[in-house]
Amino acid sequence: MDAERLGARLGELWATPVEIAGPRRLSGGASKQTWVFEARPRGGTPVRLVLRCDPPGRARPGELALEAAVLRAAAAAGVPVPALVDHCPDGGVLGVPYVLTEFLDGETIPRRLLREPRYAAARAGLAKELGHVLARLHRVPVADVPGLPAFDPLEWLAARYDETGEPLPAVEIALRWLRENRPASSGAALVHGDFRNGNLIVGEDGLRAVLDWELVHRGDPLEDLGWLCVKAWRFGTAPPVGGFGEREELFDGYAEIAGRRPDPEAVRWWEVYGTAKWAVLCRVQAERHLSGQTRSVELAAVGRRVCEQEHDLLLALGAGPGEVPGEVAGPASDLHGRPTAGELVTAVAEFLRSEVVPGTEGRLSFHSRVAANVLGIVSRQLRLGDEQERRHAQRLAALGVGSTGELAAALRDGTLDPADPAVLAAVRADVTDRLAVADPRYFGHPA
């Protein structure tokens, strides 16, 4: 963030010299940078603001201009959003496009919102409140936001999936189900595109603002309801609406404002779609790291979350939770002695969790925690990987294919039937093995 140029810009807007103090980059945010700072006008009251901008070298002209337009339209429709202070669609002011808004107090971290007692009262009514907000948002005339992108969601998803170059049998099964069970459209509306726990500011009194509008588009309004109910956004809790409440509460709130009740089966289709979409986007984000475009331990770690969504897809489509095999100890090597590679990895992870994370804050603390989790993945793969590879090869051979890619291709062209119990069992077992390495705690998350 260029504090000097930003201060000069605010000085122009407020007609007085402005000093920028305490800029702090927030953790998270895989595609945009978010900064919090204090603007101090000469002789005036300091104001806390939030700057969202494209990372240097990754400017996408027009995206943040659209976000600014949506913020105005959403506010006019009664959707709680931070007040827009300024925006620039290109690099003419700060060198990158940006949106500048007011700072709102409240919590955005899902695990705190879902677990801390002080948010209990807010949680109790939040599912219904989110239904109200979505109904208001979907009332915004799309003509009021020129330039909204529109696309066929299934074609978009299939194209992004193919671009990853990493075939996933569970996603192939889901795409077939989505094509065969697609409901009639519920209309064309302004769709947030990422309306979920984690993109909300919540206070002890309830919802304060909806954030992160970068995926806004024109589409079926039920997409937002289904995405909100995707299991990933419950963060290990049972209530399906972002971990806050039940679908019926969400639908009740929506109907009170919209005058019509969402079709539960259509919302379920969008929930399955959203799960498949997040599986693909996890791999897309990991590719940014793997390609060298944005080297990031956070993006690297997201790539190993694909199997969580595969697991959830199979659950949603009735494949059952799978059985985690017991561990088989591999032969010990006397070449390198101890500590073994796995023990060294574990030691570094313990150091990060016990010393680095508590001794740091902000992005460094967050990324240290992510790095410790990555080392946990490496440790489990070192311990379990050989036996898993053996079982994987046996499953493929039994189906007459030589690789995961061949299995996915056979599911796509109909050579193998996903309804065949043997095929489904093989796909389920592979996903279970991957999840046992990536995050075995996920097996305990409520379905």
Protein backbone atom coordinates (compact mmCIF):
# COMPACT_ATOMS: atom_id res chain seq x y z
CA MET A 1 0.00 0.00 0.00
CA ASP A 2 1.40 3.39 -1.01
CA ALA A 3 0.55 5.49 2.05
CA GLU A 4 1.91 8.71 0.59
CA ARG A 5 -0.18 8.54 -2.58
CA LEU A 6 -3.24 7.41 -0.66
CA GLY A 7 -2.90 10.32 1.76
CA ALA A 8 -2.62 12.72 -1.17
CA ARG A 9 -5.76 11.25 -2.74
CA LEU A 10 -7.77 11.59 0.48
CA GLY A 11 -6.41 15.13 0.83
CA GLU A 12 -7.96 15.94 -2.54
CA LEU A 13 -11.29 14.39 -1.57
CA TRP A 14 -11.48 16.03 1.86
CA ALA A 15 -9.81 19.32 0.90
CA THR A 16 -7.31 19.10 3.74
CA PRO A 17 -3.93 17.42 4.27
CA VAL A 18 -4.31 13.78 5.39
CA GLU A 19 -1.78 11.56 7.13
CA ILE A 20 -2.01 7.77 6.82
CA ALA A 21 -1.19 5.95 10.08
CA GLY A 22 -0.87 2.30 11.13
CA PRO A 23 -1.47 0.50 7.84
CA ARG A 24 -1.96 -3.21 8.47
CA ARG A 25 -2.55 -5.89 5.90
CA LEU A 26 -5.18 -8.41 6.93
CA SER A 27 -4.60 -12.14 6.65
CA GLY A 28 -6.52 -14.24 4.15
CA GLY A 29 -7.83 -12.97 0.84
CA ALA A 30 -6.41 -15.12 -1.92
CA SER A 31 -7.10 -12.81 -4.86
CA LYS A 32 -7.24 -9.30 -3.36
CA GLN A 33 -5.17 -7.48 -0.75
CA THR A 34 -7.01 -5.90 2.16
CA TRP A 35 -5.49 -3.15 4.30
CA VAL A 36 -6.83 -1.40 7.40
CA PHE A 37 -5.45 2.00 8.35
CA GLU A 38 -6.28 5.29 10.02
CA ALA A 39 -6.71 8.48 7.99
CA ARG A 40 -5.90 11.59 10.00
CA PRO A 41 -7.16 14.82 8.42
CA ARG A 42 -5.42 17.93 9.73
CA GLY A 43 -7.50 19.41 12.50
CA GLY A 44 -10.13 16.68 12.17
CA THR A 45 -11.15 13.38 13.72
CA PRO A 46 -9.20 10.27 12.63
CA VAL A 47 -11.19 7.88 10.45
CA ARG A 48 -10.56 4.14 10.09
CA LEU A 49 -10.79 2.93 6.51
CA VAL A 50 -10.36 -0.28 4.55
CA LEU A 51 -8.52 -0.50 1.23
CA ARG A 52 -9.13 -3.44 -1.09
CA CYS A 53 -6.84 -3.59 -4.08
CA ASP A 54 -5.38 -5.89 -6.70
CA PRO A 55 -1.92 -7.23 -5.84
CA PRO A 56 0.96 -5.51 -7.66
CA GLY A 57 1.42 -7.01 -11.11
CA ARG A 58 -2.04 -8.60 -11.09
CA ALA A 59 -4.26 -5.63 -11.90
CA ARG A 60 -7.63 -6.54 -13.40
CA PRO A 61 -9.10 -3.29 -14.72
CA GLY A 62 -12.83 -2.98 -14.25
CA GLU A 63 -13.38 -5.59 -11.52
CA LEU A 64 -13.17 -3.18 -8.61
CA ALA A 65 -15.13 -0.54 -10.54
CA LEU A 66 -17.94 -3.07 -10.79
CA GLU A 67 -17.59 -3.82 -7.08
CA ALA A 68 -17.93 -0.10 -6.30
CA ALA A 69 -21.08 0.13 -8.42
CA VAL A 70 -22.56 -2.89 -6.67
CA LEU A 71 -21.82 -1.44 -3.23
CA ARG A 72 -23.84 1.65 -4.15
CA ALA A 73 -26.75 -0.37 -5.55
CA ALA A 74 -26.78 -2.83 -2.64
CA ALA A 75 -26.79 -0.02 -0.08
CA ALA A 76 -29.73 1.61 -1.87
CA ALA A 77 -31.63 -1.70 -1.64
CA GLY A 78 -31.12 -1.97 2.12
CA VAL A 79 -28.29 -4.49 2.06
CA PRO A 80 -25.81 -3.76 4.87
CA VAL A 81 -22.48 -2.86 3.28
CA PRO A 82 -19.57 -0.61 4.26
CA ALA A 83 -20.01 2.94 2.97
CA LEU A 84 -18.01 3.59 -0.19
CA VAL A 85 -15.41 6.36 0.22
CA ASP A 86 -13.53 6.19 -3.08
CA HIS A 87 -12.53 3.85 -5.87
CA CYS A 88 -10.24 3.77 -8.88
CA PRO A 89 -10.79 1.27 -11.72
CA ASP A 90 -7.17 1.38 -12.89
CA GLY A 91 -3.72 2.20 -11.56
CA GLY A 92 -4.00 5.95 -12.00
CA VAL A 93 -3.97 6.78 -8.28
CA LEU A 94 -2.16 4.02 -6.36
CA GLY A 95 -0.67 2.00 -9.20
CA VAL A 96 -3.38 -0.67 -8.84
CA PRO A 97 -7.21 -0.64 -8.96
CA TYR A 98 -8.81 -0.25 -5.54
CA VAL A 99 -11.99 0.25 -3.52
CA LEU A 100 -11.87 2.33 -0.33
CA THR A 101 -14.62 1.93 2.28
CA GLU A 102 -15.38 2.79 5.87
CA PHE A 103 -14.17 0.42 8.58
CA LEU A 104 -16.89 -1.39 10.53
CA ASP A 105 -16.33 -3.00 13.90
CA GLY A 106 -17.26 -6.64 14.19
CA GLU A 107 -15.99 -10.15 13.65
CA THR A 108 -15.35 -11.90 10.33
CA ILE A 109 -13.44 -15.01 11.47
CA PRO A 110 -15.92 -17.90 11.20
CA ARG A 111 -14.56 -20.07 14.00
CA ARG A 112 -14.93 -17.22 16.48
CA LEU A 113 -18.43 -16.39 15.28
CA LEU A 114 -19.51 -20.01 15.57
CA ARG A 115 -17.93 -20.84 18.92
CA GLU A 116 -17.54 -17.79 21.15
CA PRO A 117 -20.37 -17.30 23.69
CA ARG A 118 -20.57 -13.54 23.09
CA TYR A 119 -21.99 -14.17 19.60
CA ALA A 120 -24.66 -16.63 20.79
CA ALA A 121 -27.50 -14.11 20.50
CA ALA A 122 -26.38 -13.07 17.02
CA ARG A 123 -26.14 -16.69 15.87
CA ALA A 124 -29.68 -17.41 17.03
CA GLY A 125 -31.30 -15.17 14.44
CA LEU A 126 -28.65 -14.95 11.77
CA ALA A 127 -29.91 -17.59 9.32
CA LYS A 128 -33.25 -15.79 9.01
CA GLU A 129 -31.53 -12.40 8.83
CA LEU A 130 -29.34 -13.64 5.99
CA GLY A 131 -32.50 -14.70 4.16
CA HIS A 132 -33.79 -11.13 4.48
CA VAL A 133 -30.52 -9.72 3.15
CA LEU A 134 -30.37 -12.05 0.15
CA ALA A 135 -33.97 -11.27 -0.79
CA ARG A 136 -33.19 -7.54 -0.72
CA LEU A 137 -30.05 -8.07 -2.75
CA HIS A 138 -31.89 -10.08 -5.39
CA ARG A 139 -34.39 -7.22 -5.75
CA VAL A 140 -31.68 -4.87 -7.08
CA PRO A 141 -32.52 -4.17 -10.75
CA VAL A 142 -29.68 -5.64 -12.81
CA ALA A 143 -29.96 -2.59 -15.07
CA ASP A 144 -28.72 -0.50 -12.15
CA VAL A 145 -25.34 -2.22 -12.33
CA PRO A 146 -24.08 -2.03 -15.93
CA GLY A 147 -21.42 -4.50 -16.93
CA LEU A 148 -22.56 -7.42 -14.77
CA PRO A 149 -21.05 -10.60 -16.24
CA ALA A 150 -23.46 -13.38 -17.13
CA PHE A 151 -22.65 -16.98 -18.02
CA ASP A 152 -24.00 -20.51 -17.92
CA PRO A 153 -22.84 -21.81 -14.54
CA LEU A 154 -22.36 -25.43 -15.60
CA GLU A 155 -20.42 -24.50 -18.71
CA TRP A 156 -18.30 -22.13 -16.62
CA LEU A 157 -17.58 -24.80 -14.02
CA ALA A 158 -16.73 -27.47 -16.60
CA ALA A 159 -14.37 -25.06 -18.37
CA ARG A 160 -12.56 -24.10 -15.13
CA TYR A 161 -12.30 -27.76 -14.21
CA ASP A 162 -10.80 -28.74 -17.56
CA GLU A 163 -8.32 -25.86 -17.33
CA THR A 164 -6.84 -27.31 -14.13
CA GLY A 165 -5.52 -30.30 -16.08
CA GLU A 166 -6.08 -32.53 -13.06
CA PRO A 167 -8.96 -34.99 -13.62
CA LEU A 168 -11.00 -35.79 -10.50
CA PRO A 169 -13.38 -38.77 -10.65
CA ALA A 170 -15.60 -37.41 -7.86
CA VAL A 171 -16.04 -34.14 -9.80
CA GLU A 172 -16.86 -36.11 -12.97
CA ILE A 173 -19.61 -37.91 -11.04
CA ALA A 174 -20.91 -34.61 -9.68
CA LEU A 175 -20.92 -32.90 -13.07
CA ARG A 176 -22.96 -35.74 -14.55
CA TRP A 177 -25.45 -35.52 -11.68
CA LEU A 178 -25.67 -31.75 -12.06
CA ARG A 179 -26.41 -32.01 -15.78
CA GLU A 180 -29.03 -34.71 -15.28
CA ASN A 181 -30.84 -32.99 -12.39
CA ARG A 182 -30.63 -29.30 -13.31
CA PRO A 183 -33.73 -27.38 -12.16
CA ALA A 184 -35.54 -24.69 -14.10
CA SER A 185 -34.09 -21.22 -13.62
CA SER A 186 -35.54 -19.10 -10.81
CA GLY A 187 -34.92 -15.94 -12.81
CA ALA A 188 -32.09 -13.52 -13.48
CA ALA A 189 -30.90 -11.44 -10.55
CA LEU A 190 -27.85 -9.71 -9.15
CA VAL A 191 -25.94 -12.57 -7.48
CA HIS A 192 -23.23 -11.90 -4.88
CA GLY A 193 -21.32 -15.02 -5.93
CA ASP A 194 -19.48 -15.54 -2.62
CA PHE A 195 -22.15 -14.98 0.04
CA ARG A 196 -20.94 -17.08 2.97
CA ASN A 197 -19.61 -17.21 6.49
CA GLY A 198 -16.22 -15.50 6.27
CA ASN A 199 -17.47 -12.71 4.04
CA LEU A 200 -19.74 -11.23 6.71
CA ILE A 201 -19.09 -8.74 9.50
CA VAL A 202 -21.07 -9.81 12.55
CA GLY A 203 -21.39 -8.09 15.90
CA GLU A 204 -22.92 -9.28 19.12
CA ASP A 205 -26.16 -7.68 17.91
CA GLY A 206 -26.19 -9.46 14.54
CA LEU A 207 -25.13 -8.82 10.95
CA ARG A 208 -23.37 -5.54 10.24
CA ALA A 209 -22.13 -5.87 6.66
CA VAL A 210 -21.66 -8.11 3.64
CA LEU A 211 -18.14 -8.07 2.18
CA ASP A 212 -16.14 -9.27 -0.85
CA TRP A 213 -18.23 -8.58 -3.93
CA GLU A 214 -15.58 -9.49 -6.48
CA LEU A 215 -17.53 -12.48 -7.87
CA VAL A 216 -20.78 -10.57 -8.38
CA HIS A 217 -22.66 -11.46 -11.57
CA ARG A 218 -26.07 -11.86 -13.14
CA GLY A 219 -27.57 -15.27 -12.53
CA ASP A 220 -30.06 -17.48 -10.71
CA PRO A 221 -30.72 -16.00 -7.25
CA LEU A 222 -30.81 -19.46 -5.67
CA GLU A 223 -27.08 -19.73 -6.36
CA ASP A 224 -26.41 -17.48 -3.36
CA LEU A 225 -28.61 -19.58 -1.07
CA GLY A 226 -26.97 -22.83 -2.15
CA TRP A 227 -23.44 -21.40 -1.76
CA LEU A 228 -24.24 -20.19 1.76
CA CYS A 229 -25.21 -23.79 2.67
CA VAL A 230 -22.10 -25.47 1.24
CA LYS A 231 -20.56 -27.61 3.98
CA ALA A 232 -17.14 -25.91 3.75
CA TRP A 233 -18.66 -22.68 5.11
CA ARG A 234 -19.98 -24.37 8.27
CA PHE A 235 -16.42 -24.75 9.58
CA GLY A 236 -17.01 -28.01 11.41
CA THR A 237 -20.39 -27.15 12.93
CA ALA A 238 -23.71 -28.86 12.21
CA PRO A 239 -26.22 -26.13 11.22
CA PRO A 240 -26.26 -26.04 7.41
CA VAL A 241 -26.65 -22.28 6.90
CA GLY A 242 -23.06 -21.14 7.43
CA GLY A 243 -23.01 -22.97 10.75
CA PHE A 244 -25.58 -20.50 12.09
CA GLY A 245 -28.99 -22.10 11.57
CA GLU A 246 -31.33 -24.31 9.58
CA ARG A 247 -32.36 -24.06 5.97
CA GLU A 248 -35.98 -23.50 6.99
CA GLU A 249 -34.96 -20.35 8.87
CA LEU A 250 -33.12 -19.09 5.80
CA PHE A 251 -36.09 -19.82 3.56
CA ASP A 252 -38.51 -18.17 6.03
CA GLY A 253 -36.45 -15.00 6.05
CA TYR A 254 -36.16 -14.97 2.26
CA ALA A 255 -39.90 -15.46 1.80
CA GLU A 256 -40.77 -12.60 4.18
CA ILE A 257 -39.04 -10.11 1.88
CA ALA A 258 -39.26 -11.76 -1.56
CA GLY A 259 -42.86 -12.91 -1.22
CA ARG A 260 -42.00 -16.39 -2.46
CA ARG A 261 -40.35 -19.35 -0.80
CA PRO A 262 -37.24 -20.89 -2.40
CA ASP A 263 -37.64 -24.42 -3.74
CA PRO A 264 -35.61 -26.64 -1.37
CA GLU A 265 -34.69 -29.12 -4.12
CA ALA A 266 -33.45 -26.35 -6.38
CA VAL A 267 -31.37 -24.93 -3.52
CA ARG A 268 -29.96 -28.42 -2.93
CA TRP A 269 -28.86 -28.55 -6.58
CA TRP A 270 -27.03 -25.26 -6.09
CA GLU A 271 -25.48 -26.60 -2.89
CA VAL A 272 -24.03 -29.58 -4.79
CA TYR A 273 -22.96 -27.21 -7.55
CA GLY A 274 -21.24 -24.98 -4.99
CA THR A 275 -19.37 -27.92 -3.49
CA ALA A 276 -18.09 -28.96 -6.91
CA LYS A 277 -17.23 -25.33 -7.67
CA TRP A 278 -15.17 -24.99 -4.48
CA ALA A 279 -13.32 -28.22 -5.29
CA VAL A 280 -12.32 -26.77 -8.65
CA LEU A 281 -11.48 -23.33 -7.26
CA CYS A 282 -9.23 -24.87 -4.60
CA ARG A 283 -7.20 -26.42 -7.40
CA VAL A 284 -7.29 -23.17 -9.41
CA GLN A 285 -5.91 -21.25 -6.44
CA ALA A 286 -3.17 -23.83 -5.88
CA GLU A 287 -2.14 -23.42 -9.51
CA ARG A 288 -1.34 -19.78 -8.90
CA HIS A 289 1.32 -20.98 -6.45
CA LEU A 290 2.49 -23.92 -8.56
CA SER A 291 2.84 -21.79 -11.70
CA GLY A 292 4.93 -19.21 -9.84
CA GLN A 293 2.35 -16.49 -10.43
CA THR A 294 1.83 -15.97 -6.68
CA ARG A 295 4.08 -18.04 -4.45
CA SER A 296 2.15 -18.56 -1.23
CA VAL A 297 2.01 -21.24 1.45
CA GLU A 298 -1.67 -20.39 1.85
CA LEU A 299 -2.43 -21.07 -1.82
CA ALA A 300 -0.34 -24.24 -1.72
CA ALA A 301 -2.30 -25.50 1.28
CA VAL A 302 -5.64 -24.75 -0.40
CA GLY A 303 -4.74 -27.28 -3.10
CA ARG A 304 -4.91 -30.09 -0.56
CA ARG A 305 -8.45 -29.04 0.39
CA VAL A 306 -9.80 -30.40 -2.90
CA CYS A 307 -10.36 -33.79 -1.29
CA GLU A 308 -12.58 -32.23 1.40
CA GLN A 309 -14.98 -31.12 -1.32
CA GLU A 310 -14.74 -34.49 -3.10
CA HIS A 311 -15.68 -36.13 0.20
CA ASP A 312 -18.63 -33.76 0.61
CA LEU A 313 -19.78 -34.31 -2.97
CA LEU A 314 -19.86 -38.05 -2.47
CA LEU A 315 -21.78 -37.63 0.79
CA ALA A 316 -24.28 -35.31 -0.89
CA LEU A 317 -24.82 -37.81 -3.70
CA GLY A 318 -25.35 -40.74 -1.32
CA ALA A 319 -21.98 -42.48 -1.48
CA GLY A 320 -21.55 -42.75 2.29
CA PRO A 321 -18.66 -41.57 4.46
CA GLY A 322 -16.12 -44.28 3.61
CA GLU A 323 -14.02 -46.32 6.02
CA VAL A 324 -10.57 -45.10 7.00
CA PRO A 325 -8.11 -48.04 6.90
CA GLY A 326 -5.85 -48.63 9.86
CA GLU A 327 -2.24 -47.54 9.62
CA VAL A 328 0.36 -49.99 8.36
CA ALA A 329 3.87 -49.23 9.56
CA GLY A 330 6.49 -49.21 6.83
CA PRO A 331 9.95 -50.73 7.27
CA ALA A 332 12.33 -48.62 9.35
CA SER A 333 15.49 -47.38 7.63
CA ASP A 334 18.84 -47.51 9.41
CA LEU A 335 20.60 -45.29 6.85
CA HIS A 336 19.73 -41.87 8.22
CA GLY A 337 18.93 -42.80 11.80
CA ARG A 338 16.66 -40.76 13.99
CA PRO A 339 14.94 -38.41 14.02
CA THR A 340 13.32 -39.71 10.86
CA ALA A 341 12.11 -37.38 8.11
CA GLY A 342 8.61 -37.54 9.57
CA GLU A 343 9.86 -36.77 13.07
CA LEU A 344 11.80 -33.76 11.78
CA VAL A 345 8.73 -32.45 9.99
CA THR A 346 6.69 -32.87 13.16
CA ALA A 347 9.31 -31.01 15.19
CA VAL A 348 9.20 -28.01 12.84
CA ALA A 349 5.39 -27.99 12.91
CA GLU A 350 5.45 -28.02 16.72
CA PHE A 351 7.90 -25.10 16.72
CA LEU A 352 5.66 -23.06 14.44
CA ARG A 353 2.55 -23.73 16.52
CA SER A 354 4.10 -23.34 19.97
CA GLU A 355 6.52 -20.46 19.40
CA VAL A 356 6.03 -18.63 16.11
CA VAL A 357 2.22 -18.40 16.07
CA PRO A 358 1.88 -17.09 19.67
CA GLY A 359 4.80 -14.70 19.19
CA THR A 360 3.50 -13.03 16.04
CA GLU A 361 0.29 -11.45 14.80
CA GLY A 362 -1.61 -10.71 11.62
CA ARG A 363 -0.50 -12.29 8.36
CA LEU A 364 2.70 -13.78 9.80
CA SER A 365 0.83 -15.56 12.57
CA PHE A 366 -1.83 -16.75 10.13
CA HIS A 367 0.67 -18.04 7.58
CA SER A 368 2.74 -19.71 10.31
CA ARG A 369 -0.36 -21.63 11.35
CA VAL A 370 -0.98 -22.58 7.72
CA ALA A 371 2.65 -23.70 7.35
CA ALA A 372 2.34 -25.88 10.46
CA ASN A 373 -0.77 -27.50 8.97
CA VAL A 374 1.09 -28.10 5.69
CA LEU A 375 3.85 -29.87 7.59
CA GLY A 376 1.20 -32.04 9.22
CA ILE A 377 0.07 -33.08 5.74
CA VAL A 378 3.65 -33.94 4.76
CA SER A 379 4.13 -35.96 7.95
CA ARG A 380 0.98 -38.01 7.36
CA GLN A 381 1.88 -38.64 3.71
CA LEU A 382 5.33 -39.85 4.73
CA ARG A 383 3.71 -42.23 7.19
CA LEU A 384 0.74 -43.44 5.14
CA GLY A 385 1.64 -42.79 1.52
CA ASP A 386 3.31 -46.08 0.51
CA GLU A 387 0.43 -48.24 1.67
CA GLN A 388 -2.11 -45.86 0.15
CA GLU A 389 -0.32 -45.98 -3.21
CA ARG A 390 -0.42 -49.78 -3.12
CA ARG A 391 -4.17 -49.83 -2.49
CA HIS A 392 -4.74 -47.14 -5.12
CA ALA A 393 -2.95 -49.19 -7.78
CA GLN A 394 -5.03 -52.26 -6.89
CA ARG A 395 -8.29 -50.34 -7.20
CA LEU A 396 -7.37 -48.92 -10.59
CA ALA A 397 -6.29 -52.31 -11.90
CA ALA A 398 -9.59 -53.86 -10.79
CA LEU A 399 -11.44 -51.28 -12.91
CA GLY A 400 -9.18 -51.79 -15.91
CA VAL A 401 -7.60 -48.31 -15.87
CA GLY A 402 -4.03 -47.26 -15.25
CA SER A 403 -4.35 -43.85 -13.57
CA THR A 404 -6.72 -41.43 -11.90
CA GLY A 405 -6.88 -39.50 -15.17
CA GLU A 406 -7.96 -42.62 -17.07
CA LEU A 407 -10.62 -43.30 -14.43
CA ALA A 408 -11.98 -39.77 -14.76
CA ALA A 409 -11.98 -40.04 -18.57
CA ALA A 410 -13.84 -43.36 -18.41
CA LEU A 411 -16.48 -41.81 -16.18
CA ARG A 412 -16.86 -38.89 -18.57
CA ASP A 413 -17.22 -40.95 -21.75
CA GLY A 414 -19.45 -43.59 -20.16
CA THR A 415 -17.00 -46.48 -20.29
CA LEU A 416 -17.43 -46.75 -16.54
CA ASP A 417 -20.78 -46.15 -14.84
CA PRO A 418 -20.71 -44.08 -11.63
CA ALA A 419 -23.77 -46.03 -10.46
CA ASP A 420 -21.72 -49.25 -10.51
CA PRO A 421 -21.06 -50.06 -6.81
CA ALA A 422 -17.50 -51.17 -7.60
CA VAL A 423 -16.71 -47.89 -9.39
CA LEU A 424 -18.26 -45.77 -6.67
CA ALA A 425 -16.45 -47.74 -3.97
CA ALA A 426 -13.09 -47.19 -5.70
CA VAL A 427 -13.67 -43.45 -6.06
CA ARG A 428 -14.81 -43.22 -2.45
CA ALA A 429 -11.76 -45.16 -1.19
CA ASP A 430 -9.34 -42.92 -3.10
CA VAL A 431 -10.97 -39.77 -1.71
CA THR A 432 -10.92 -41.24 1.79
CA ASP A 433 -7.19 -41.95 1.55
CA ARG A 434 -6.47 -38.42 0.32
CA LEU A 435 -8.52 -36.90 3.12
CA ALA A 436 -6.78 -39.08 5.72
CA VAL A 437 -3.58 -37.30 4.73
CA ALA A 438 -4.94 -33.81 4.07
CA ASP A 439 -7.08 -33.43 7.20
CA PRO A 440 -8.28 -36.52 9.09
CA ARG A 441 -10.26 -34.28 11.45
CA TYR A 442 -12.62 -33.54 8.56
CA PHE A 443 -14.15 -37.00 8.85
CA GLY A 444 -15.72 -35.85 12.10
CA HIS A 445 -17.39 -32.78 10.60
CA PRO A 446 -21.18 -33.12 10.57
CA ALA A 447 -22.65 -33.95 7.17
